[in-house]
PDB file of all heavy atoms in Angstrom:
ATOM      1  N   LYS A   1      -9.898  68.141  33.458  1.00  0.00           N
ATOM      2  CA  LYS A   1      -9.121  66.992  32.977  1.00  0.00           C
ATOM      3  C   LYS A   1      -9.098  65.843  33.990  1.00  0.00           C
ATOM      4  O   LYS A   1      -8.848  64.696  33.624  1.00  0.00           O
ATOM      5  CB  LYS A   1      -7.687  67.407  32.641  1.00  0.00           C
ATOM      6  CG  LYS A   1      -6.815  67.763  33.828  1.00  0.00           C
ATOM      7  CD  LYS A   1      -5.385  68.070  33.387  1.00  0.00           C
ATOM      8  CE  LYS A   1      -4.485  68.352  34.593  1.00  0.00           C
ATOM      9  NZ  LYS A   1      -3.080  68.611  34.180  1.00  0.00           N
ATOM     10  N   ASN A   2      -9.375  66.136  35.255  1.00  0.00           N
ATOM     11  CA  ASN A   2      -9.398  65.102  36.294  1.00  0.00           C
ATOM     12  C   ASN A   2     -10.798  64.535  36.532  1.00  0.00           C
ATOM     13  O   ASN A   2     -10.958  63.656  37.382  1.00  0.00           O
ATOM     14  CB  ASN A   2      -8.853  65.650  37.616  1.00  0.00           C
ATOM     15  CG  ASN A   2      -7.335  65.662  37.655  1.00  0.00           C
ATOM     16  OD1 ASN A   2      -6.684  65.147  36.749  1.00  0.00           O
ATOM     17  ND2 ASN A   2      -6.772  66.250  38.691  1.00  0.00           N
ATOM     18  N   ARG A   3     -11.772  65.035  35.797  1.00  0.00           N
ATOM     19  CA  ARG A   3     -13.144  64.574  36.010  1.00  0.00           C
ATOM     20  C   ARG A   3     -13.564  63.613  34.894  1.00  0.00           C
ATOM     21  O   ARG A   3     -13.331  63.875  33.717  1.00  0.00           O
ATOM     22  CB  ARG A   3     -14.118  65.749  36.092  1.00  0.00           C
ATOM     23  CG  ARG A   3     -13.930  66.596  37.321  1.00  0.00           C
ATOM     24  CD  ARG A   3     -15.116  67.492  37.612  1.00  0.00           C
ATOM     25  NE  ARG A   3     -15.402  68.423  36.537  1.00  0.00           N
ATOM     26  CZ  ARG A   3     -16.449  68.334  35.728  1.00  0.00           C
ATOM     27  NH1 ARG A   3     -17.318  67.342  35.868  1.00  0.00           N
ATOM     28  NH2 ARG A   3     -16.641  69.216  34.770  1.00  0.00           N
ATOM     29  N   ASP A   4     -14.170  62.513  35.302  1.00  0.00           N
ATOM     30  CA  ASP A   4     -14.626  61.501  34.356  1.00  0.00           C
ATOM     31  C   ASP A   4     -15.823  60.785  34.973  1.00  0.00           C
ATOM     32  O   ASP A   4     -15.751  60.301  36.107  1.00  0.00           O
ATOM     33  CB  ASP A   4     -13.491  60.505  34.075  1.00  0.00           C
ATOM     34  CG  ASP A   4     -13.955  59.315  33.265  1.00  0.00           C
ATOM     35  OD1 ASP A   4     -14.174  59.469  32.055  1.00  0.00           O
ATOM     36  OD2 ASP A   4     -14.125  58.219  33.861  1.00  0.00           O
ATOM     37  N   TRP A   5     -16.933  60.732  34.235  1.00  0.00           N
ATOM     38  CA  TRP A   5     -18.156  60.167  34.788  1.00  0.00           C
ATOM     39  C   TRP A   5     -17.981  58.711  35.207  1.00  0.00           C
ATOM     40  O   TRP A   5     -18.436  58.316  36.286  1.00  0.00           O
ATOM     41  CB  TRP A   5     -19.297  60.294  33.786  1.00  0.00           C
ATOM     42  CG  TRP A   5     -20.467  59.424  34.129  1.00  0.00           C
ATOM     43  CD1 TRP A   5     -20.890  58.298  33.480  1.00  0.00           C
ATOM     44  CD2 TRP A   5     -21.341  59.568  35.265  1.00  0.00           C
ATOM     45  NE1 TRP A   5     -21.982  57.750  34.116  1.00  0.00           N
ATOM     46  CE2 TRP A   5     -22.275  58.508  35.220  1.00  0.00           C
ATOM     47  CE3 TRP A   5     -21.421  60.493  36.303  1.00  0.00           C
ATOM     48  CZ2 TRP A   5     -23.283  58.351  36.171  1.00  0.00           C
ATOM     49  CZ3 TRP A   5     -22.430  60.342  37.257  1.00  0.00           C
ATOM     50  CH2 TRP A   5     -23.338  59.276  37.192  1.00  0.00           C
ATOM     51  N   GLU A   6     -17.343  57.893  34.396  1.00  0.00           N
ATOM     52  CA  GLU A   6     -17.209  56.474  34.710  1.00  0.00           C
ATOM     53  C   GLU A   6     -16.445  56.265  36.007  1.00  0.00           C
ATOM     54  O   GLU A   6     -16.782  55.398  36.819  1.00  0.00           O
ATOM     55  CB  GLU A   6     -16.523  55.730  33.551  1.00  0.00           C
ATOM     56  CG  GLU A   6     -17.342  55.684  32.275  1.00  0.00           C
ATOM     57  CD  GLU A   6     -18.700  55.007  32.461  1.00  0.00           C
ATOM     58  OE1 GLU A   6     -18.765  54.000  33.205  1.00  0.00           O
ATOM     59  OE2 GLU A   6     -19.689  55.482  31.872  1.00  0.00           O
ATOM     60  N   ASN A   7     -15.411  57.082  36.224  1.00  0.00           N
ATOM     61  CA  ASN A   7     -14.650  56.995  37.472  1.00  0.00           C
ATOM     62  C   ASN A   7     -15.443  57.584  38.642  1.00  0.00           C
ATOM     63  O   ASN A   7     -15.467  57.026  39.744  1.00  0.00           O
ATOM     64  CB  ASN A   7     -13.310  57.724  37.315  1.00  0.00           C
ATOM     65  CG  ASN A   7     -12.520  57.788  38.614  1.00  0.00           C
ATOM     66  OD1 ASN A   7     -12.574  58.781  39.335  1.00  0.00           O
ATOM     67  ND2 ASN A   7     -11.807  56.714  38.922  1.00  0.00           N
ATOM     68  N   TYR A   8     -16.113  58.712  38.377  1.00  0.00           N
ATOM     69  CA  TYR A   8     -16.866  59.372  39.443  1.00  0.00           C
ATOM     70  C   TYR A   8     -17.987  58.487  39.976  1.00  0.00           C
ATOM     71  O   TYR A   8     -18.207  58.428  41.188  1.00  0.00           O
ATOM     72  CB  TYR A   8     -17.443  60.696  38.928  1.00  0.00           C
ATOM     73  CG  TYR A   8     -18.417  61.325  39.899  1.00  0.00           C
ATOM     74  CD1 TYR A   8     -17.970  61.952  41.054  1.00  0.00           C
ATOM     75  CD2 TYR A   8     -19.797  61.267  39.670  1.00  0.00           C
ATOM     76  CE1 TYR A   8     -18.867  62.516  41.960  1.00  0.00           C
ATOM     77  CE2 TYR A   8     -20.693  61.826  40.566  1.00  0.00           C
ATOM     78  CZ  TYR A   8     -20.225  62.446  41.709  1.00  0.00           C
ATOM     79  OH  TYR A   8     -21.112  62.986  42.597  1.00  0.00           O
ATOM     80  N   LYS A   9     -18.700  57.800  39.104  1.00  0.00           N
ATOM     81  CA  LYS A   9     -19.852  57.027  39.577  1.00  0.00           C
ATOM     82  C   LYS A   9     -19.416  55.874  40.477  1.00  0.00           C
ATOM     83  O   LYS A   9     -20.173  55.460  41.370  1.00  0.00           O
ATOM     84  CB  LYS A   9     -20.696  56.529  38.409  1.00  0.00           C
ATOM     85  CG  LYS A   9     -20.119  55.410  37.582  1.00  0.00           C
ATOM     86  CD  LYS A   9     -21.107  55.001  36.492  1.00  0.00           C
ATOM     87  CE  LYS A   9     -20.615  53.807  35.698  1.00  0.00           C
ATOM     88  NZ  LYS A   9     -21.572  53.410  34.643  1.00  0.00           N
ATOM     89  N   LEU A  10     -18.191  55.374  40.313  1.00  0.00           N
ATOM     90  CA  LEU A  10     -17.662  54.351  41.217  1.00  0.00           C
ATOM     91  C   LEU A  10     -17.363  54.960  42.585  1.00  0.00           C
ATOM     92  O   LEU A  10     -17.658  54.360  43.623  1.00  0.00           O
ATOM     93  CB  LEU A  10     -16.393  53.731  40.629  1.00  0.00           C
ATOM     94  CG  LEU A  10     -16.563  52.976  39.304  1.00  0.00           C
ATOM     95  CD1 LEU A  10     -15.197  52.499  38.799  1.00  0.00           C
ATOM     96  CD2 LEU A  10     -17.509  51.795  39.467  1.00  0.00           C
ATOM     97  N   ARG A  11     -16.769  56.150  42.560  1.00  0.00           N
ATOM     98  CA  ARG A  11     -16.480  56.827  43.836  1.00  0.00           C
ATOM     99  C   ARG A  11     -17.769  57.248  44.535  1.00  0.00           C
ATOM    100  O   ARG A  11     -17.869  57.181  45.766  1.00  0.00           O
ATOM    101  CB  ARG A  11     -15.569  58.039  43.586  1.00  0.00           C
ATOM    102  CG  ARG A  11     -14.149  57.647  43.190  1.00  0.00           C
ATOM    103  CD  ARG A  11     -13.245  58.852  42.948  1.00  0.00           C
ATOM    104  NE  ARG A  11     -13.544  59.516  41.694  1.00  0.00           N
ATOM    105  CZ  ARG A  11     -13.897  60.791  41.565  1.00  0.00           C
ATOM    106  NH1 ARG A  11     -14.012  61.560  42.640  1.00  0.00           N
ATOM    107  NH2 ARG A  11     -14.143  61.311  40.378  1.00  0.00           N
ATOM    108  N   LEU A  12     -18.750  57.693  43.750  1.00  0.00           N
ATOM    109  CA  LEU A  12     -20.035  58.079  44.336  1.00  0.00           C
ATOM    110  C   LEU A  12     -20.711  56.881  44.989  1.00  0.00           C
ATOM    111  O   LEU A  12     -21.291  56.998  46.078  1.00  0.00           O
ATOM    112  CB  LEU A  12     -20.938  58.677  43.262  1.00  0.00           C
ATOM    113  CG  LEU A  12     -22.327  59.122  43.727  1.00  0.00           C
ATOM    114  CD1 LEU A  12     -22.228  60.198  44.799  1.00  0.00           C
ATOM    115  CD2 LEU A  12     -23.162  59.620  42.541  1.00  0.00           C
ATOM    116  N   ALA A  13     -20.649  55.725  44.346  1.00  0.00           N
ATOM    117  CA  ALA A  13     -21.268  54.514  44.908  1.00  0.00           C
ATOM    118  C   ALA A  13     -20.730  54.217  46.297  1.00  0.00           C
ATOM    119  O   ALA A  13     -21.457  53.727  47.171  1.00  0.00           O
ATOM    120  CB  ALA A  13     -21.017  53.328  43.982  1.00  0.00           C
ATOM    121  N   ASN A  14     -19.465  54.549  46.525  1.00  0.00           N
ATOM    122  CA  ASN A  14     -18.821  54.269  47.805  1.00  0.00           C
ATOM    123  C   ASN A  14     -19.084  55.338  48.861  1.00  0.00           C
ATOM    124  O   ASN A  14     -18.548  55.255  49.972  1.00  0.00           O
ATOM    125  CB  ASN A  14     -17.320  54.081  47.599  1.00  0.00           C
ATOM    126  CG  ASN A  14     -16.991  52.711  47.055  1.00  0.00           C
ATOM    127  OD1 ASN A  14     -16.841  51.745  47.788  1.00  0.00           O
ATOM    128  ND2 ASN A  14     -16.889  52.618  45.734  1.00  0.00           N
ATOM    129  N   GLN A  15     -19.903  56.340  48.527  1.00  0.00           N
ATOM    130  CA  GLN A  15     -20.317  57.329  49.537  1.00  0.00           C
ATOM    131  C   GLN A  15     -21.497  56.833  50.358  1.00  0.00           C
ATOM    132  O   GLN A  15     -21.862  57.448  51.365  1.00  0.00           O
ATOM    133  CB  GLN A  15     -20.684  58.658  48.860  1.00  0.00           C
ATOM    134  CG  GLN A  15     -19.593  59.266  48.007  1.00  0.00           C
ATOM    135  CD  GLN A  15     -18.268  59.401  48.729  1.00  0.00           C
ATOM    136  OE1 GLN A  15     -18.192  60.020  49.801  1.00  0.00           O
ATOM    137  NE2 GLN A  15     -17.214  58.833  48.156  1.00  0.00           N
ATOM    138  N   ALA A  16     -22.119  55.740  49.946  1.00  0.00           N
ATOM    139  CA  ALA A  16     -23.309  55.244  50.642  1.00  0.00           C
ATOM    140  C   ALA A  16     -23.089  54.999  52.133  1.00  0.00           C
ATOM    141  O   ALA A  16     -23.945  55.377  52.948  1.00  0.00           O
ATOM    142  CB  ALA A  16     -23.827  53.979  49.955  1.00  0.00           C
ATOM    143  N   PRO A  17     -21.977  54.366  52.553  1.00  0.00           N
ATOM    144  CA  PRO A  17     -21.791  54.160  54.000  1.00  0.00           C
ATOM    145  C   PRO A  17     -21.778  55.468  54.797  1.00  0.00           C
ATOM    146  O   PRO A  17     -22.369  55.546  55.877  1.00  0.00           O
ATOM    147  CB  PRO A  17     -20.442  53.446  54.073  1.00  0.00           C
ATOM    148  CG  PRO A  17     -20.315  52.745  52.766  1.00  0.00           C
ATOM    149  CD  PRO A  17     -20.933  53.672  51.767  1.00  0.00           C
ATOM    150  N   PHE A  18     -21.127  56.508  54.262  1.00  0.00           N
ATOM    151  CA  PHE A  18     -21.107  57.799  54.953  1.00  0.00           C
ATOM    152  C   PHE A  18     -22.504  58.398  55.007  1.00  0.00           C
ATOM    153  O   PHE A  18     -22.971  58.857  56.063  1.00  0.00           O
ATOM    154  CB  PHE A  18     -20.147  58.770  54.259  1.00  0.00           C
ATOM    155  CG  PHE A  18     -20.274  60.193  54.742  1.00  0.00           C
ATOM    156  CD1 PHE A  18     -19.787  60.561  55.989  1.00  0.00           C
ATOM    157  CD2 PHE A  18     -20.900  61.164  53.961  1.00  0.00           C
ATOM    158  CE1 PHE A  18     -19.918  61.871  56.439  1.00  0.00           C
ATOM    159  CE2 PHE A  18     -21.035  62.462  54.400  1.00  0.00           C
ATOM    160  CZ  PHE A  18     -20.541  62.823  55.651  1.00  0.00           C
ATOM    161  N   LEU A  19     -23.193  58.417  53.871  1.00  0.00           N
ATOM    162  CA  LEU A  19     -24.532  58.999  53.833  1.00  0.00           C
ATOM    163  C   LEU A  19     -25.486  58.244  54.750  1.00  0.00           C
ATOM    164  O   LEU A  19     -26.313  58.856  55.445  1.00  0.00           O
ATOM    165  CB  LEU A  19     -25.053  58.995  52.392  1.00  0.00           C
ATOM    166  CG  LEU A  19     -24.279  59.874  51.404  1.00  0.00           C
ATOM    167  CD1 LEU A  19     -24.792  59.653  49.981  1.00  0.00           C
ATOM    168  CD2 LEU A  19     -24.372  61.347  51.778  1.00  0.00           C
ATOM    169  N   ASN A  20     -25.361  56.934  54.798  1.00  0.00           N
ATOM    170  CA  ASN A  20     -26.215  56.139  55.684  1.00  0.00           C
ATOM    171  C   ASN A  20     -25.887  56.416  57.155  1.00  0.00           C
ATOM    172  O   ASN A  20     -26.782  56.509  57.993  1.00  0.00           O
ATOM    173  CB  ASN A  20     -26.050  54.654  55.379  1.00  0.00           C
ATOM    174  CG  ASN A  20     -26.637  54.279  54.023  1.00  0.00           C
ATOM    175  OD1 ASN A  20     -27.550  54.930  53.540  1.00  0.00           O
ATOM    176  ND2 ASN A  20     -26.103  53.236  53.407  1.00  0.00           N
ATOM    177  N   ARG A  21     -24.594  56.531  57.451  1.00  0.00           N
ATOM    178  CA  ARG A  21     -24.193  56.805  58.833  1.00  0.00           C
ATOM    179  C   ARG A  21     -24.709  58.165  59.298  1.00  0.00           C
ATOM    180  O   ARG A  21     -25.046  58.354  60.465  1.00  0.00           O
ATOM    181  CB  ARG A  21     -22.669  56.746  58.952  1.00  0.00           C
ATOM    182  CG  ARG A  21     -22.160  56.764  60.387  1.00  0.00           C
ATOM    183  CD  ARG A  21     -20.672  56.468  60.481  1.00  0.00           C
ATOM    184  NE  ARG A  21     -19.851  57.548  59.964  1.00  0.00           N
ATOM    185  CZ  ARG A  21     -19.166  57.498  58.830  1.00  0.00           C
ATOM    186  NH1 ARG A  21     -19.225  56.421  58.065  1.00  0.00           N
ATOM    187  NH2 ARG A  21     -18.426  58.514  58.438  1.00  0.00           N
ATOM    188  N   MET A  22     -24.785  59.126  58.368  1.00  0.00           N
ATOM    189  CA  MET A  22     -25.278  60.463  58.680  1.00  0.00           C
ATOM    190  C   MET A  22     -26.803  60.555  58.548  1.00  0.00           C
ATOM    191  O   MET A  22     -27.365  61.635  58.685  1.00  0.00           O
ATOM    192  CB  MET A  22     -24.621  61.488  57.751  1.00  0.00           C
ATOM    193  CG  MET A  22     -23.107  61.577  57.909  1.00  0.00           C
ATOM    194  SD  MET A  22     -22.594  62.103  59.554  1.00  0.00           S
ATOM    195  CE  MET A  22     -23.146  63.796  59.565  1.00  0.00           C
ATOM    196  N   ASN A  23     -27.442  59.420  58.263  1.00  0.00           N
ATOM    197  CA  ASN A  23     -28.904  59.359  58.137  1.00  0.00           C
ATOM    198  C   ASN A  23     -29.428  60.321  57.076  1.00  0.00           C
ATOM    199  O   ASN A  23     -30.430  61.018  57.254  1.00  0.00           O
ATOM    200  CB  ASN A  23     -29.573  59.648  59.481  1.00  0.00           C
ATOM    201  CG  ASN A  23     -31.046  59.254  59.490  1.00  0.00           C
ATOM    202  OD1 ASN A  23     -31.450  58.315  58.802  1.00  0.00           O
ATOM    203  ND2 ASN A  23     -31.846  59.968  60.254  1.00  0.00           N
ATOM    204  N   VAL A  24     -28.740  60.355  55.938  1.00  0.00           N
ATOM    205  CA  VAL A  24     -29.159  61.174  54.808  1.00  0.00           C
ATOM    206  C   VAL A  24     -30.076  60.347  53.917  1.00  0.00           C
ATOM    207  O   VAL A  24     -29.697  59.271  53.451  1.00  0.00           O
ATOM    208  CB  VAL A  24     -27.934  61.662  53.999  1.00  0.00           C
ATOM    209  CG1 VAL A  24     -28.380  62.405  52.741  1.00  0.00           C
ATOM    210  CG2 VAL A  24     -27.058  62.560  54.864  1.00  0.00           C
ATOM    211  N   LYS A  25     -31.269  60.851  53.677  1.00  0.00           N
ATOM    212  CA  LYS A  25     -32.263  60.123  52.882  1.00  0.00           C
ATOM    213  C   LYS A  25     -32.092  60.457  51.397  1.00  0.00           C
ATOM    214  O   LYS A  25     -32.936  61.060  50.752  1.00  0.00           O
ATOM    215  CB  LYS A  25     -33.672  60.475  53.351  1.00  0.00           C
ATOM    216  CG  LYS A  25     -33.916  60.245  54.826  1.00  0.00           C
ATOM    217  CD  LYS A  25     -33.666  58.789  55.239  1.00  0.00           C
ATOM    218  CE  LYS A  25     -33.971  58.561  56.707  1.00  0.00           C
ATOM    219  NZ  LYS A  25     -33.646  57.191  57.148  1.00  0.00           N
ATOM    220  N   TYR A  26     -30.955  60.051  50.850  1.00  0.00           N
ATOM    221  CA  TYR A  26     -30.623  60.385  49.470  1.00  0.00           C
ATOM    222  C   TYR A  26     -31.429  59.543  48.476  1.00  0.00           C
ATOM    223  O   TYR A  26     -31.960  58.485  48.812  1.00  0.00           O
ATOM    224  CB  TYR A  26     -29.126  60.185  49.226  1.00  0.00           C
ATOM    225  CG  TYR A  26     -28.640  58.760  49.402  1.00  0.00           C
ATOM    226  CD1 TYR A  26     -28.546  57.887  48.320  1.00  0.00           C
ATOM    227  CD2 TYR A  26     -28.268  58.280  50.661  1.00  0.00           C
ATOM    228  CE1 TYR A  26     -28.100  56.585  48.484  1.00  0.00           C
ATOM    229  CE2 TYR A  26     -27.815  56.978  50.833  1.00  0.00           C
ATOM    230  CZ  TYR A  26     -27.741  56.137  49.737  1.00  0.00           C
ATOM    231  OH  TYR A  26     -27.305  54.843  49.896  1.00  0.00           O
ATOM    232  N   TYR A  27     -31.488  60.033  47.247  1.00  0.00           N
ATOM    233  CA  TYR A  27     -32.160  59.307  46.177  1.00  0.00           C
ATOM    234  C   TYR A  27     -31.221  58.212  45.662  1.00  0.00           C
ATOM    235  O   TYR A  27     -30.143  58.513  45.131  1.00  0.00           O
ATOM    236  CB  TYR A  27     -32.516  60.266  45.047  1.00  0.00           C
ATOM    237  CG  TYR A  27     -32.943  59.589  43.759  1.00  0.00           C
ATOM    238  CD1 TYR A  27     -34.090  58.803  43.710  1.00  0.00           C
ATOM    239  CD2 TYR A  27     -32.201  59.748  42.592  1.00  0.00           C
ATOM    240  CE1 TYR A  27     -34.475  58.179  42.527  1.00  0.00           C
ATOM    241  CE2 TYR A  27     -32.583  59.141  41.404  1.00  0.00           C
ATOM    242  CZ  TYR A  27     -33.719  58.355  41.389  1.00  0.00           C
ATOM    243  OH  TYR A  27     -34.104  57.741  40.220  1.00  0.00           O
ATOM    244  N   PRO A  28     -31.591  56.935  45.787  1.00  0.00           N
ATOM    245  CA  PRO A  28     -30.705  55.844  45.359  1.00  0.00           C
ATOM    246  C   PRO A  28     -30.798  55.619  43.857  1.00  0.00           C
ATOM    247  O   PRO A  28     -31.391  54.651  43.381  1.00  0.00           O
ATOM    248  CB  PRO A  28     -31.233  54.648  46.150  1.00  0.00           C
ATOM    249  CG  PRO A  28     -32.701  54.931  46.300  1.00  0.00           C
ATOM    250  CD  PRO A  28     -32.829  56.433  46.418  1.00  0.00           C
ATOM    251  N   SER A  29     -30.217  56.510  43.104  1.00  0.00           N
ATOM    252  CA  SER A  29     -30.304  56.463  41.645  1.00  0.00           C
ATOM    253  C   SER A  29     -29.950  55.079  41.111  1.00  0.00           C
ATOM    254  O   SER A  29     -28.917  54.514  41.471  1.00  0.00           O
ATOM    255  CB  SER A  29     -29.353  57.500  41.034  1.00  0.00           C
ATOM    256  OG  SER A  29     -29.266  57.330  39.635  1.00  0.00           O
ATOM    257  N   PRO A  30     -30.785  54.525  40.233  1.00  0.00           N
ATOM    258  CA  PRO A  30     -30.514  53.185  39.703  1.00  0.00           C
ATOM    259  C   PRO A  30     -29.316  53.120  38.769  1.00  0.00           C
ATOM    260  O   PRO A  30     -28.860  52.018  38.442  1.00  0.00           O
ATOM    261  CB  PRO A  30     -31.818  52.842  38.960  1.00  0.00           C
ATOM    262  CG  PRO A  30     -32.431  54.153  38.627  1.00  0.00           C
ATOM    263  CD  PRO A  30     -32.065  55.061  39.751  1.00  0.00           C
ATOM    264  N   ILE A  31     -28.788  54.264  38.336  1.00  0.00           N
ATOM    265  CA  ILE A  31     -27.614  54.235  37.463  1.00  0.00           C
ATOM    266  C   ILE A  31     -26.319  54.143  38.268  1.00  0.00           C
ATOM    267  O   ILE A  31     -25.242  54.070  37.687  1.00  0.00           O
ATOM    268  CB  ILE A  31     -27.576  55.452  36.516  1.00  0.00           C
ATOM    269  CG1 ILE A  31     -27.387  56.761  37.282  1.00  0.00           C
ATOM    270  CG2 ILE A  31     -28.814  55.506  35.656  1.00  0.00           C
ATOM    271  CD1 ILE A  31     -27.227  57.973  36.378  1.00  0.00           C
ATOM    272  N   ILE A  32     -26.436  54.126  39.608  1.00  0.00           N
ATOM    273  CA  ILE A  32     -25.282  53.969  40.486  1.00  0.00           C
ATOM    274  C   ILE A  32     -25.376  52.622  41.191  1.00  0.00           C
ATOM    275  O   ILE A  32     -26.417  52.275  41.741  1.00  0.00           O
ATOM    276  CB  ILE A  32     -25.221  55.100  41.545  1.00  0.00           C
ATOM    277  CG1 ILE A  32     -25.221  56.474  40.867  1.00  0.00           C
ATOM    278  CG2 ILE A  32     -23.993  54.941  42.438  1.00  0.00           C
ATOM    279  CD1 ILE A  32     -24.046  56.745  39.962  1.00  0.00           C
ATOM    280  N   ASN A  33     -24.296  51.877  41.179  1.00  0.00           N
ATOM    281  CA  ASN A  33     -24.232  50.582  41.877  1.00  0.00           C
ATOM    282  C   ASN A  33     -23.819  50.837  43.324  1.00  0.00           C
ATOM    283  O   ASN A  33     -22.665  50.659  43.707  1.00  0.00           O
ATOM    284  CB  ASN A  33     -23.248  49.649  41.177  1.00  0.00           C
ATOM    285  CG  ASN A  33     -23.240  48.257  41.781  1.00  0.00           C
ATOM    286  OD1 ASN A  33     -24.194  47.853  42.459  1.00  0.00           O
ATOM    287  ND2 ASN A  33     -22.159  47.532  41.554  1.00  0.00           N
ATOM    288  N   TRP A  34     -24.772  51.266  44.132  1.00  0.00           N
ATOM    289  CA  TRP A  34     -24.490  51.717  45.491  1.00  0.00           C
ATOM    290  C   TRP A  34     -23.855  50.619  46.335  1.00  0.00           C
ATOM    291  O   TRP A  34     -24.300  49.464  46.303  1.00  0.00           O
ATOM    292  CB  TRP A  34     -25.764  52.209  46.174  1.00  0.00           C
ATOM    293  CG  TRP A  34     -26.340  53.404  45.485  1.00  0.00           C
ATOM    294  CD1 TRP A  34     -27.371  53.423  44.586  1.00  0.00           C
ATOM    295  CD2 TRP A  34     -25.884  54.756  45.607  1.00  0.00           C
ATOM    296  NE1 TRP A  34     -27.608  54.709  44.148  1.00  0.00           N
ATOM    297  CE2 TRP A  34     -26.706  55.545  44.750  1.00  0.00           C
ATOM    298  CE3 TRP A  34     -24.879  55.376  46.332  1.00  0.00           C
ATOM    299  CZ2 TRP A  34     -26.546  56.926  44.624  1.00  0.00           C
ATOM    300  CZ3 TRP A  34     -24.714  56.742  46.215  1.00  0.00           C
ATOM    301  CH2 TRP A  34     -25.538  57.500  45.373  1.00  0.00           C
ATOM    302  N   LYS A  35     -22.852  51.002  47.111  1.00  0.00           N
ATOM    303  CA  LYS A  35     -22.140  50.048  47.964  1.00  0.00           C
ATOM    304  C   LYS A  35     -23.021  49.643  49.141  1.00  0.00           C
ATOM    305  O   LYS A  35     -23.552  50.496  49.851  1.00  0.00           O
ATOM    306  CB  LYS A  35     -20.846  50.685  48.469  1.00  0.00           C
ATOM    307  CG  LYS A  35     -19.991  49.746  49.259  1.00  0.00           C
ATOM    308  CD  LYS A  35     -18.679  50.412  49.602  1.00  0.00           C
ATOM    309  CE  LYS A  35     -17.777  49.435  50.288  1.00  0.00           C
ATOM    310  NZ  LYS A  35     -16.484  50.034  50.630  1.00  0.00           N
ATOM    311  N   LYS A  36     -23.152  48.362  49.365  1.00  0.00           N
ATOM    312  CA  LYS A  36     -23.981  47.862  50.457  1.00  0.00           C
ATOM    313  C   LYS A  36     -23.155  47.399  51.647  1.00  0.00           C
ATOM    314  O   LYS A  36     -23.478  47.653  52.785  1.00  0.00           O
ATOM    315  CB  LYS A  36     -24.875  46.722  49.961  1.00  0.00           C
ATOM    316  CG  LYS A  36     -25.938  47.173  48.959  1.00  0.00           C
ATOM    317  CD  LYS A  36     -26.813  46.016  48.537  1.00  0.00           C
ATOM    318  CE  LYS A  36     -27.964  46.488  47.662  1.00  0.00           C
ATOM    319  NZ  LYS A  36     -27.513  47.102  46.408  1.00  0.00           N
ATOM    320  N   ASN A  37     -22.063  46.693  51.405  1.00  0.00           N
ATOM    321  CA  ASN A  37     -21.210  46.180  52.475  1.00  0.00           C
ATOM    322  C   ASN A  37     -19.842  46.827  52.389  1.00  0.00           C
ATOM    323  O   ASN A  37     -19.230  46.864  51.319  1.00  0.00           O
ATOM    324  CB  ASN A  37     -21.062  44.660  52.374  1.00  0.00           C
ATOM    325  CG  ASN A  37     -22.391  43.952  52.531  1.00  0.00           C
ATOM    326  OD1 ASN A  37     -23.140  44.238  53.456  1.00  0.00           O
ATOM    327  ND2 ASN A  37     -22.705  43.049  51.614  1.00  0.00           N
ATOM    328  N   ASP A  38     -19.350  47.301  53.529  1.00  0.00           N
ATOM    329  CA  ASP A  38     -18.081  48.026  53.519  1.00  0.00           C
ATOM    330  C   ASP A  38     -16.891  47.093  53.516  1.00  0.00           C
ATOM    331  O   ASP A  38     -16.951  45.948  53.936  1.00  0.00           O
ATOM    332  CB  ASP A  38     -17.976  48.951  54.741  1.00  0.00           C
ATOM    333  CG  ASP A  38     -16.889  49.991  54.541  1.00  0.00           C
ATOM    334  OD1 ASP A  38     -17.041  50.816  53.628  1.00  0.00           O
ATOM    335  OD2 ASP A  38     -15.908  49.935  55.284  1.00  0.00           O
ATOM    336  N   SER A  39     -15.774  47.625  53.031  1.00  0.00           N
ATOM    337  CA  SER A  39     -14.503  46.896  53.053  1.00  0.00           C
ATOM    338  C   SER A  39     -13.434  47.817  53.591  1.00  0.00           C
ATOM    339  O   SER A  39     -13.707  48.910  54.052  1.00  0.00           O
ATOM    340  CB  SER A  39     -14.137  46.435  51.638  1.00  0.00           C
ATOM    341  OG  SER A  39     -13.843  47.567  50.829  1.00  0.00           O
ATOM    342  N   LEU A  40     -12.185  47.384  53.480  1.00  0.00           N
ATOM    343  CA  LEU A  40     -11.076  48.197  53.992  1.00  0.00           C
ATOM    344  C   LEU A  40     -10.662  49.297  53.029  1.00  0.00           C
ATOM    345  O   LEU A  40      -9.746  50.045  53.324  1.00  0.00           O
ATOM    346  CB  LEU A  40      -9.857  47.299  54.257  1.00  0.00           C
ATOM    347  CG  LEU A  40      -9.819  46.611  55.617  1.00  0.00           C
ATOM    348  CD1 LEU A  40      -8.669  45.638  55.647  1.00  0.00           C
ATOM    349  CD2 LEU A  40      -9.665  47.631  56.722  1.00  0.00           C
ATOM    350  N   HIS A  41     -11.283  49.372  51.861  1.00  0.00           N
ATOM    351  CA  HIS A  41     -10.863  50.310  50.821  1.00  0.00           C
ATOM    352  C   HIS A  41      -9.435  50.002  50.365  1.00  0.00           C
ATOM    353  O   HIS A  41      -8.739  50.894  49.909  1.00  0.00           O
ATOM    354  CB  HIS A  41     -10.929  51.764  51.303  1.00  0.00           C
ATOM    355  CG  HIS A  41     -12.310  52.234  51.578  1.00  0.00           C
ATOM    356  ND1 HIS A  41     -12.694  53.534  51.402  1.00  0.00           N
ATOM    357  CD2 HIS A  41     -13.417  51.589  52.015  1.00  0.00           C
ATOM    358  CE1 HIS A  41     -13.961  53.683  51.728  1.00  0.00           C
ATOM    359  NE2 HIS A  41     -14.409  52.507  52.103  1.00  0.00           N
ATOM    360  N   ILE A  42      -8.976  48.794  50.550  1.00  0.00           N
ATOM    361  CA  ILE A  42      -7.623  48.429  50.126  1.00  0.00           C
ATOM    362  C   ILE A  42      -7.712  47.781  48.757  1.00  0.00           C
ATOM    363  O   ILE A  42      -8.414  46.796  48.573  1.00  0.00           O
ATOM    364  CB  ILE A  42      -6.958  47.474  51.135  1.00  0.00           C
ATOM    365  CG1 ILE A  42      -6.736  48.224  52.461  1.00  0.00           C
ATOM    366  CG2 ILE A  42      -5.642  46.947  50.623  1.00  0.00           C
ATOM    367  CD1 ILE A  42      -6.201  47.343  53.554  1.00  0.00           C
TER     368      ILE A  42
END
């Protein structure tokens, strides 16, 4: 009941800074609007 694709894909997009910092060569799926510039998460 707490899982929803539309909400999840936004949260997944914001994992990019962590994955990049850890040098993970992930597949940049075109269905995700990957975060490029970080903010305060506020």
